[in-house]
Protein backbone atom coordinates (compact mmCIF):
# COMPACT_ATOMS: atom_id res chain seq x y z
CA MET A 1 105.60 210.91 94.06
CA LEU A 2 103.82 208.60 91.60
CA ALA A 3 102.71 211.60 89.53
CA ALA A 4 106.35 212.66 89.19
CA VAL A 5 107.27 209.14 88.11
CA PHE A 6 104.56 209.13 85.44
CA GLU A 7 105.59 212.51 84.09
CA SER A 8 109.28 211.65 83.94
CA LEU A 9 108.56 208.35 82.21
CA THR A 10 106.13 209.71 79.65
CA TRP A 11 107.40 213.18 78.83
CA GLY A 12 111.12 212.94 79.53
CA GLY A 13 113.85 214.69 77.61
CA ASP A 14 114.43 211.67 75.40
CA GLY A 15 111.08 212.21 73.72
CA MET A 16 109.28 209.28 75.30
CA ASN A 17 105.51 209.29 74.99
CA VAL A 18 102.76 207.27 76.63
CA SER A 19 103.10 204.45 74.16
CA SER A 20 106.38 203.60 75.90
CA LEU A 21 104.99 203.64 79.44
CA PRO A 22 106.93 200.83 81.14
CA ALA A 23 105.08 197.65 82.04
CA TRP A 24 106.20 197.92 85.67
CA VAL A 25 104.33 201.17 86.36
CA VAL A 26 100.93 199.61 87.12
CA PRO A 27 102.46 196.88 89.34
CA LEU A 28 104.28 199.68 91.17
CA VAL A 29 101.01 201.48 91.81
CA PHE A 30 99.46 198.19 92.93
CA ALA A 31 102.32 197.59 95.37
CA VAL A 32 102.21 201.14 96.73
CA SER A 33 98.45 200.90 97.31
CA VAL A 34 98.89 197.63 99.24
CA PHE A 35 101.72 199.18 101.28
CA ALA A 36 99.52 202.18 102.08
CA ARG A 37 96.83 199.82 103.35
CA LEU A 38 99.37 198.08 105.55
CA LEU A 39 100.39 201.43 107.02
CA VAL A 40 96.79 202.39 107.78
CA ALA A 41 96.15 198.94 109.26
CA SER A 42 99.07 199.33 111.65
CA HIS A 43 97.05 201.85 113.64
CA PRO A 44 94.30 200.94 116.16
CA HIS A 45 90.85 200.16 114.80
CA SER A 46 87.70 201.93 115.92
CA GLY A 47 86.52 200.55 119.26
CA GLU A 48 89.81 198.89 120.14
CA ASN A 49 89.97 198.10 123.89
CA ASP A 50 86.60 199.79 124.30
CA PRO A 51 84.12 197.36 125.88
CA PRO A 52 81.41 196.23 125.79
CA ARG A 53 81.03 196.30 121.98
CA PHE A 54 84.58 197.01 120.74
CA GLY A 55 83.52 198.53 117.39
CA ASP A 56 83.02 197.16 113.88
CA TYR A 57 86.17 195.04 114.12
CA GLU A 58 84.39 193.00 116.79
CA ALA A 59 81.22 192.88 114.69
CA GLN A 60 83.06 191.29 111.77
CA ARG A 61 84.94 188.88 114.06
CA HIS A 62 81.70 187.95 115.82
CA TRP A 63 79.98 187.17 112.52
CA MET A 64 82.79 184.72 111.74
CA GLU A 65 82.27 183.14 115.14
CA ILE A 66 78.51 182.77 114.64
CA THR A 67 78.61 181.49 111.06
CA ILE A 68 81.14 178.71 111.70
CA HIS A 69 79.59 177.49 114.98
CA THR A 70 75.83 177.73 114.45
CA PRO A 71 73.46 176.30 111.80
CA LEU A 72 72.84 178.50 108.78
CA ARG A 73 69.17 178.94 109.66
CA GLU A 74 70.22 180.56 112.97
CA TRP A 75 72.67 183.11 111.57
CA TYR A 76 70.04 185.85 111.50
CA VAL A 77 67.93 184.55 114.41
CA GLY A 78 68.28 185.29 118.10
CA THR A 79 69.24 182.10 119.99
CA THR A 80 71.13 181.08 123.11
CA HIS A 81 74.42 181.35 121.23
CA ASN A 82 73.44 184.22 118.92
CA ASP A 83 72.47 187.35 120.82
CA LEU A 84 71.22 189.75 118.14
CA GLY A 85 71.70 192.61 120.60
CA TYR A 86 75.44 191.97 120.43
CA TRP A 87 76.41 192.69 116.84
CA GLY A 88 73.70 190.53 115.32
CA LEU A 89 74.36 189.78 111.66
CA ASP A 90 72.56 192.41 109.58
CA TYR A 91 74.39 192.32 106.25
CA PRO A 92 73.15 190.31 103.21
CA PRO A 93 73.88 186.60 102.67
CA LEU A 94 77.09 187.05 100.67
CA THR A 95 78.68 188.76 103.68
CA ALA A 96 77.53 185.85 105.84
CA TYR A 97 79.16 183.38 103.45
CA GLN A 98 82.33 185.50 103.41
CA SER A 99 82.34 185.50 107.22
CA TRP A 100 82.02 181.71 107.17
CA VAL A 101 84.99 181.34 104.81
CA TYR A 102 87.25 183.72 106.73
CA GLY A 103 86.05 182.26 110.02
CA LYS A 104 87.05 178.76 108.90
CA VAL A 105 90.51 180.01 107.93
CA LEU A 106 91.04 181.85 111.22
CA HIS A 107 89.71 178.92 113.23
CA ARG A 108 92.27 176.63 111.61
CA ILE A 109 95.09 179.06 112.43
CA ASP A 110 93.98 180.08 115.93
CA PRO A 111 90.65 178.70 117.23
CA ALA A 112 90.60 181.17 120.13
CA ILE A 113 89.91 184.06 117.73
CA VAL A 114 86.47 182.73 116.82
CA SER A 115 85.57 180.39 119.68
CA LEU A 116 81.84 180.39 120.40
CA THR A 117 80.79 182.92 123.12
CA THR A 118 84.22 182.97 124.80
CA SER A 119 85.90 185.03 122.09
CA ARG A 120 83.95 188.24 122.64
CA GLY A 121 86.30 191.18 122.65
CA HIS A 122 89.24 188.99 121.61
CA GLU A 123 91.95 191.44 120.54
CA SER A 124 95.29 189.68 120.74
CA TYR A 125 98.09 191.00 118.54
CA GLY A 126 97.94 187.88 116.37
CA SER A 127 94.18 188.05 115.92
CA LYS A 128 94.27 191.70 114.91
CA LEU A 129 97.04 190.95 112.43
CA LEU A 130 95.09 188.08 110.87
CA MET A 131 91.87 190.10 110.72
CA ARG A 132 93.71 192.99 109.05
CA TYR A 133 95.19 190.60 106.51
CA THR A 134 91.72 189.35 105.54
CA VAL A 135 90.72 192.90 104.57
CA ILE A 136 93.92 193.43 102.58
CA VAL A 137 93.49 190.10 100.81
CA SER A 138 89.91 191.11 99.96
CA ASP A 139 91.14 194.32 98.34
CA ILE A 140 93.84 192.46 96.42
CA ALA A 141 91.34 189.87 95.21
CA PHE A 142 88.43 192.18 94.41
CA LEU A 143 88.86 195.95 94.51
CA LEU A 144 92.31 196.64 93.08
CA PRO A 145 92.07 194.38 90.00
CA ALA A 146 88.51 195.60 89.42
CA LEU A 147 89.69 199.21 89.34
CA LEU A 148 92.40 198.39 86.83
CA VAL A 149 90.01 196.39 84.63
CA PHE A 150 87.46 199.21 84.71
CA HIS A 151 89.89 201.98 83.80
CA ARG A 152 91.40 199.94 80.98
CA THR A 153 87.96 198.98 79.69
CA PHE A 154 86.60 202.51 79.89
CA THR A 155 89.66 204.10 78.27
CA ASN A 156 89.81 201.53 75.48
CA LYS A 157 86.08 201.86 74.86
CA LEU A 158 86.36 205.64 74.70
CA ALA A 159 89.31 205.45 72.32
CA GLY A 160 87.39 203.02 70.10
CA LYS A 161 84.35 205.29 69.96
CA LEU A 162 86.47 208.33 69.16
CA SER A 163 88.37 206.56 66.38
CA ALA A 164 85.10 205.43 64.80
CA GLY A 165 83.09 208.57 65.38
CA GLY A 166 84.48 211.01 62.83
CA THR A 167 82.60 209.87 59.75
CA GLY A 168 79.10 210.34 61.08
CA ALA A 169 79.76 213.39 63.19
CA LYS A 170 78.07 216.69 62.60
CA SER A 171 80.24 219.47 61.27
CA GLY A 172 80.29 221.27 64.58
CA GLU A 173 81.51 218.13 66.34
CA ARG A 174 84.35 217.15 64.01
CA THR A 175 86.91 219.54 65.49
CA ASP A 176 86.22 218.25 68.99
CA LEU A 177 86.45 214.67 67.74
CA ALA A 178 89.76 215.32 66.03
CA ILE A 179 91.17 216.85 69.21
CA SER A 180 89.80 213.98 71.26
CA LYS A 181 91.33 211.42 68.91
CA LYS A 182 94.73 213.05 69.13
CA PHE A 183 94.48 213.36 72.89
CA SER A 184 93.36 209.76 73.31
CA ALA A 185 96.14 208.39 71.13
CA LYS A 186 98.79 210.23 73.13
CA THR A 187 97.53 209.78 76.64
CA GLN A 188 95.56 206.54 76.81
CA LYS A 189 98.04 204.54 78.91
CA LEU A 190 98.91 207.49 81.09
CA SER A 191 95.22 208.14 81.74
CA ILE A 192 94.80 204.54 82.90
CA ALA A 193 97.78 204.84 85.24
CA TYR A 194 96.61 208.14 86.73
CA ALA A 195 93.00 206.98 87.18
CA PHE A 196 94.03 203.66 88.70
CA THR A 197 96.36 205.44 91.10
CA ALA A 198 93.70 207.91 92.24
CA ALA A 199 91.12 205.17 92.80
CA ALA A 200 93.47 202.62 94.38
CA LEU A 201 94.75 205.21 96.87
CA SER A 202 91.33 206.63 97.73
CA PRO A 203 91.66 207.79 101.37
CA ALA A 204 87.99 207.16 102.18
CA GLN A 205 88.02 203.46 101.34
CA MET A 206 91.39 202.87 103.00
CA LEU A 207 90.46 204.66 106.21
CA ILE A 208 87.06 202.99 106.54
CA ASP A 209 88.14 199.45 105.63
CA HIS A 210 91.68 199.35 106.98
CA GLY A 211 91.43 201.91 109.77
CA HIS A 212 87.89 201.69 111.10
CA PHE A 213 87.48 198.06 109.88
CA GLN A 214 85.12 196.93 107.16
CA TYR A 215 85.08 194.83 103.97
CA ASN A 216 83.67 197.44 101.59
CA GLY A 217 86.36 196.53 99.07
CA ILE A 218 84.47 193.37 98.16
CA SER A 219 81.15 195.01 97.30
CA LEU A 220 82.93 197.97 95.69
CA GLY A 221 85.07 195.62 93.63
CA LEU A 222 82.03 193.67 92.44
CA SER A 223 80.27 196.94 91.54
CA VAL A 224 83.28 198.16 89.58
CA TYR A 225 83.57 194.81 87.77
CA ALA A 226 79.86 195.14 86.96
CA ALA A 227 80.40 198.60 85.48
CA ALA A 228 83.30 197.30 83.38
CA ALA A 229 81.15 194.44 82.11
CA VAL A 230 78.32 196.80 81.14
CA ILE A 231 80.77 199.06 79.31
CA SER A 232 81.97 195.98 77.41
CA ASP A 233 78.33 195.18 76.50
CA TRP A 234 78.33 192.08 78.71
CA ASP A 235 75.09 193.24 80.26
CA VAL A 236 74.01 189.91 81.73
CA ILE A 237 77.41 189.40 83.38
CA GLY A 238 77.26 192.97 84.67
CA SER A 239 73.81 192.37 86.12
CA ILE A 240 75.01 189.25 87.92
CA LEU A 241 78.08 191.00 89.30
CA PHE A 242 76.10 193.97 90.58
CA THR A 243 73.53 191.64 92.16
CA LEU A 244 76.43 189.96 93.98
CA ALA A 245 77.57 193.39 95.20
CA LEU A 246 74.06 194.18 96.41
CA ASN A 247 73.97 190.86 98.24
CA HIS A 248 77.26 191.61 99.94
CA LYS A 249 76.35 194.98 101.42
CA GLN A 250 73.19 197.08 101.34
CA THR A 251 75.11 200.26 100.50
CA ALA A 252 75.38 198.98 96.93
CA ALA A 253 71.69 199.89 96.71
CA TYR A 254 72.85 203.51 96.29
CA LEU A 255 74.08 202.49 92.84
CA SER A 256 71.09 200.36 91.87
CA PRO A 257 68.98 203.16 90.29
CA ALA A 258 71.90 204.00 87.99
CA PHE A 259 72.45 200.37 86.93
CA PHE A 260 68.72 199.75 86.55
CA ALA A 261 68.02 202.85 84.48
CA PHE A 262 71.09 202.56 82.27
CA LEU A 263 70.58 198.87 81.49
CA LEU A 264 66.85 199.29 80.90
CA GLY A 265 67.42 202.27 78.61
CA LYS A 266 70.19 200.45 76.78
CA SER A 267 67.98 197.39 76.25
CA LEU A 268 65.17 199.54 74.83
CA ARG A 269 67.39 201.71 72.63
CA ASN A 270 69.52 198.94 71.15
CA ASN A 271 66.62 196.80 70.00
CA SER A 272 64.31 197.74 67.17
CA THR A 273 61.29 195.50 67.73
CA SER A 274 59.03 195.01 70.73
CA TYR A 275 59.96 191.34 70.86
CA THR A 276 63.71 191.94 71.03
CA LYS A 277 63.24 194.73 73.58
CA VAL A 278 61.19 192.49 75.86
CA ALA A 279 63.65 189.63 75.36
CA ALA A 280 66.61 191.84 76.32
CA VAL A 281 64.90 193.07 79.47
CA LEU A 282 63.84 189.53 80.39
CA ARG A 283 67.42 188.26 80.06
CA LEU A 284 68.59 190.85 82.57
CA GLY A 285 65.66 190.15 84.88
CA ILE A 286 66.33 186.42 84.84
CA ALA A 287 70.01 187.05 85.61
CA VAL A 288 69.15 189.23 88.61
CA VAL A 289 66.39 186.99 89.97
CA GLY A 290 68.48 183.87 89.38
CA THR A 291 71.45 185.31 91.29
CA PHE A 292 69.21 186.31 94.19
CA ALA A 293 67.67 182.83 94.17
CA VAL A 294 71.03 181.07 94.34
CA LEU A 295 72.27 183.25 97.22
CA TRP A 296 69.06 183.11 99.26
CA ALA A 297 68.10 179.49 98.53
CA PRO A 298 70.01 178.05 101.52
CA PHE A 299 67.79 180.04 103.88
CA TYR A 300 64.65 178.96 102.04
CA PHE A 301 65.58 175.27 102.12
CA ALA A 302 67.10 175.24 105.63
CA ILE A 303 65.47 172.46 107.63
CA ASP A 304 63.71 173.20 110.91
CA PRO A 305 64.86 170.37 113.23
CA GLU A 306 61.60 170.50 115.19
CA THR A 307 59.28 169.97 112.21
CA GLY A 308 61.66 168.38 109.72
CA THR A 309 60.43 170.77 107.01
CA ALA A 310 62.10 173.63 105.17
CA ASP A 311 61.79 177.15 106.59
CA GLY A 312 60.58 178.37 103.21
CA VAL A 313 59.43 181.97 102.94
CA ARG A 314 59.74 182.39 106.70
CA GLY A 315 63.49 181.74 106.49
CA VAL A 316 63.93 184.32 103.73
CA LYS A 317 61.74 186.84 105.56
CA THR A 318 63.82 186.47 108.71
CA VAL A 319 66.98 187.43 106.83
CA PHE A 320 65.28 190.33 105.04
CA GLN A 321 63.98 191.82 108.27
CA ARG A 322 67.52 191.93 109.62
CA LEU A 323 68.72 193.76 106.52
CA VAL A 324 66.06 196.48 106.68
CA PRO A 325 65.80 197.25 110.41
CA PHE A 326 63.14 199.95 110.32
CA LYS A 327 62.46 199.31 113.99
CA ARG A 328 65.69 201.18 114.77
CA GLY A 329 64.26 204.26 113.12
CA LEU A 330 64.94 206.10 109.88
CA TYR A 331 68.64 206.63 110.57
CA GLU A 332 71.40 206.13 113.12
CA ASP A 333 72.76 209.21 114.83
CA TYR A 334 76.39 208.48 113.93
CA VAL A 335 75.87 207.78 110.22
CA SER A 336 76.19 210.81 107.98
CA ASN A 337 73.14 211.46 105.81
CA VAL A 338 70.60 214.20 105.19
CA TRP A 339 68.35 213.03 108.02
CA CYS A 340 71.18 213.07 110.53
CA PHE A 341 72.40 216.46 109.25
CA THR A 342 69.00 218.10 109.55
CA ASN A 343 68.11 216.49 112.88
CA PRO A 344 69.37 219.44 115.00
CA PHE A 345 66.79 221.64 113.26
CA PHE A 346 63.96 219.13 112.93
CA LYS A 347 63.72 216.24 115.39
CA TRP A 348 62.62 213.59 112.92
CA LYS A 349 62.54 210.72 115.41
CA THR A 350 60.48 212.74 117.87
CA TRP A 351 57.94 214.27 115.50
CA LEU A 352 57.48 211.46 112.96
CA SER A 353 56.53 207.84 113.48
CA ILE A 354 58.78 205.20 111.93
CA GLU A 355 56.15 204.40 109.30
CA THR A 356 55.69 208.06 108.32
CA ALA A 357 59.43 208.73 108.27
CA THR A 358 60.00 205.67 106.08
CA ARG A 359 57.38 206.78 103.57
CA LEU A 360 58.83 210.30 103.58
CA ALA A 361 62.32 208.96 102.90
CA LEU A 362 61.02 206.82 100.03
CA LEU A 363 59.13 209.76 98.53
CA CYS A 364 62.15 212.07 98.76
CA THR A 365 64.46 209.46 97.24
CA VAL A 366 62.15 208.66 94.32
CA THR A 367 61.55 212.35 93.65
CA ALA A 368 65.26 213.12 93.70
CA ILE A 369 66.35 210.33 91.36
CA ALA A 370 63.35 210.35 88.99
CA PRO A 371 64.73 212.93 86.49
CA ALA A 372 68.08 211.17 86.15
CA VAL A 373 66.46 207.73 85.88
CA ALA A 374 64.02 208.97 83.24
CA HIS A 375 66.87 210.56 81.28
CA GLN A 376 68.79 207.26 81.20
CA ILE A 377 65.77 205.22 80.16
CA LYS A 378 64.48 207.40 77.35
């Protein structure tokens, strides 16, 4: 439907071209993507009415309950009120802070949704509606604008490079550049609209976040903002934004080799002297370490009421151990990955110890990404 709208607006019989793409097209796509999320959210979530754990919806609700009712130093620790065996918090600190914010809002509207211990399995119509709205608000605040910013930034950057690239191009490249310039001039706005539509209506993200129930839109949005910043040569800002994404959900680590290699290679290529190269890399390192420090500092400085002293490294270590739960094994049977896929043929958990399997996974990962990382750095 939207594709037909784009085509009729940009290549109609009256000779319109992409330069006259109406201003209301992108808001229309934005509205349609929000409406699609509402439709998906109208269906039951995974684990609904399925005790004793009730699915990831209950996990997110339970984290709100724990973060607003217990001291920060106990969020990742097993206590009388925080049973780690029942959806213990195992996402990074930014998710914990997000749970605290949303928990405070829900508690003000309906305290029963997040009441301590007594709210387990709470699935009233009103609570489900409010929880669904928090995910939609997260997408509106983070993911959808980030996608639009990225596609505009990328398209404008590409158009700028093409318009400036003809003079120094080799003879064999000039024809391609001329075609690219012509194409870019005619289709820039339409390309943004198409790309934004495809990304904003991605079935995978909508089904997982708004059907199953997650907040991936926040970490994805931060990652996309980071990519847009890097494209705009705001490398420090991009580093900070991606570090925020990584501290919201561990899955952002999948993207970390790409960000690391690209930014390191860019810093080395764009500076002519050893001093400026080291300075550029240090700026990025300070941005990353500083962002981590700010987000993790509350757990370092949390006061132990028994001793009256800060938890220090122990507090940070406690959180980290929850984020990397090797004790569970290399993988979970219901999460799709190469280990799960090959398990029917090779019983990894039976034949390999956790330590050996972890080292094997690290070796395979490093081996697989090494050529691409080296290519970006050189």
